[in-house]
Amino acid sequence: MKRMHLARRFKAEMLAAREAGRPIPAPLPGMTLDVWTLYRTLTK
């Protein structure tokens, strides 16, 4: 359950950063590098 919450929070932060033109936030603790890479690829 906590993992889901972290993912949701990360997604929200990522969208907020993109709208503000800021760099994508660093991955949250517990997020695997694969998932992080996937996020980076999708948001380029």
C-alpha atoms as a PDB file:
ATOM      1  CA  MET A   1       0.000   0.000   0.000  1.00  0.00           C
ATOM      2  CA  LYS A   2       2.814   2.378   0.860  1.00  0.00           C
ATOM      3  CA  ARG A   3       4.464   1.666  -2.485  1.00  0.00           C
ATOM      4  CA  MET A   4       1.320   2.726  -4.308  1.00  0.00           C
ATOM      5  CA  HIS A   5       1.239   5.959  -2.309  1.00  0.00           C
ATOM      6  CA  LEU A   6       4.868   6.703  -3.144  1.00  0.00           C
ATOM      7  CA  ALA A   7       4.252   6.081  -6.828  1.00  0.00           C
ATOM      8  CA  ARG A   8       1.225   8.361  -6.818  1.00  0.00           C
ATOM      9  CA  ARG A   9       3.146  11.097  -5.007  1.00  0.00           C
ATOM     10  CA  PHE A  10       6.058  10.770  -7.390  1.00  0.00           C
ATOM     11  CA  LYS A  11       3.753  11.015 -10.385  1.00  0.00           C
ATOM     12  CA  ALA A  12       2.179  14.161  -8.972  1.00  0.00           C
ATOM     13  CA  GLU A  13       5.586  15.713  -8.320  1.00  0.00           C
ATOM     14  CA  MET A  14       6.736  14.765 -11.808  1.00  0.00           C
ATOM     15  CA  LEU A  15       3.713  16.396 -13.443  1.00  0.00           C
ATOM     16  CA  ALA A  16       4.083  19.510 -11.299  1.00  0.00           C
ATOM     17  CA  ALA A  17       7.755  19.789 -12.203  1.00  0.00           C
ATOM     18  CA  ARG A  18       7.004  19.379 -15.902  1.00  0.00           C
ATOM     19  CA  GLU A  19       4.315  22.066 -15.820  1.00  0.00           C
ATOM     20  CA  ALA A  20       6.650  24.448 -13.998  1.00  0.00           C
ATOM     21  CA  GLY A  21       9.469  23.689 -16.404  1.00  0.00           C
ATOM     22  CA  ARG A  22      11.659  22.362 -13.603  1.00  0.00           C
ATOM     23  CA  PRO A  23      13.792  19.229 -13.877  1.00  0.00           C
ATOM     24  CA  ILE A  24      12.057  15.956 -13.046  1.00  0.00           C
ATOM     25  CA  PRO A  25      12.469  15.206  -9.309  1.00  0.00           C
ATOM     26  CA  ALA A  26      14.912  12.546  -8.197  1.00  0.00           C
ATOM     27  CA  PRO A  27      13.523   9.037  -7.722  1.00  0.00           C
ATOM     28  CA  LEU A  28      11.961   8.336  -4.366  1.00  0.00           C
ATOM     29  CA  PRO A  29      13.508   5.775  -2.021  1.00  0.00           C
ATOM     30  CA  GLY A  30      12.460   2.251  -2.951  1.00  0.00           C
ATOM     31  CA  MET A  31      11.918   3.068  -6.604  1.00  0.00           C
ATOM     32  CA  THR A  32      13.870   0.686  -8.794  1.00  0.00           C
ATOM     33  CA  LEU A  33      16.240   2.006 -11.422  1.00  0.00           C
ATOM     34  CA  ASP A  34      14.202   0.247 -14.123  1.00  0.00           C
ATOM     35  CA  VAL A  35      11.059   2.117 -13.166  1.00  0.00           C
ATOM     36  CA  TRP A  36      12.988   5.387 -12.923  1.00  0.00           C
ATOM     37  CA  THR A  37      14.500   4.848 -16.378  1.00  0.00           C
ATOM     38  CA  LEU A  38      11.048   4.103 -17.758  1.00  0.00           C
ATOM     39  CA  TYR A  39       9.696   7.335 -16.267  1.00  0.00           C
ATOM     40  CA  ARG A  40      12.594   9.310 -17.719  1.00  0.00           C
ATOM     41  CA  THR A  41      12.028   7.766 -21.144  1.00  0.00           C
ATOM     42  CA  LEU A  42       8.308   8.511 -21.084  1.00  0.00           C
ATOM     43  CA  THR A  43       8.787  12.113 -20.009  1.00  0.00           C
ATOM     44  CA  LYS A  44      11.509  13.148 -22.456  1.00  0.00           C
END
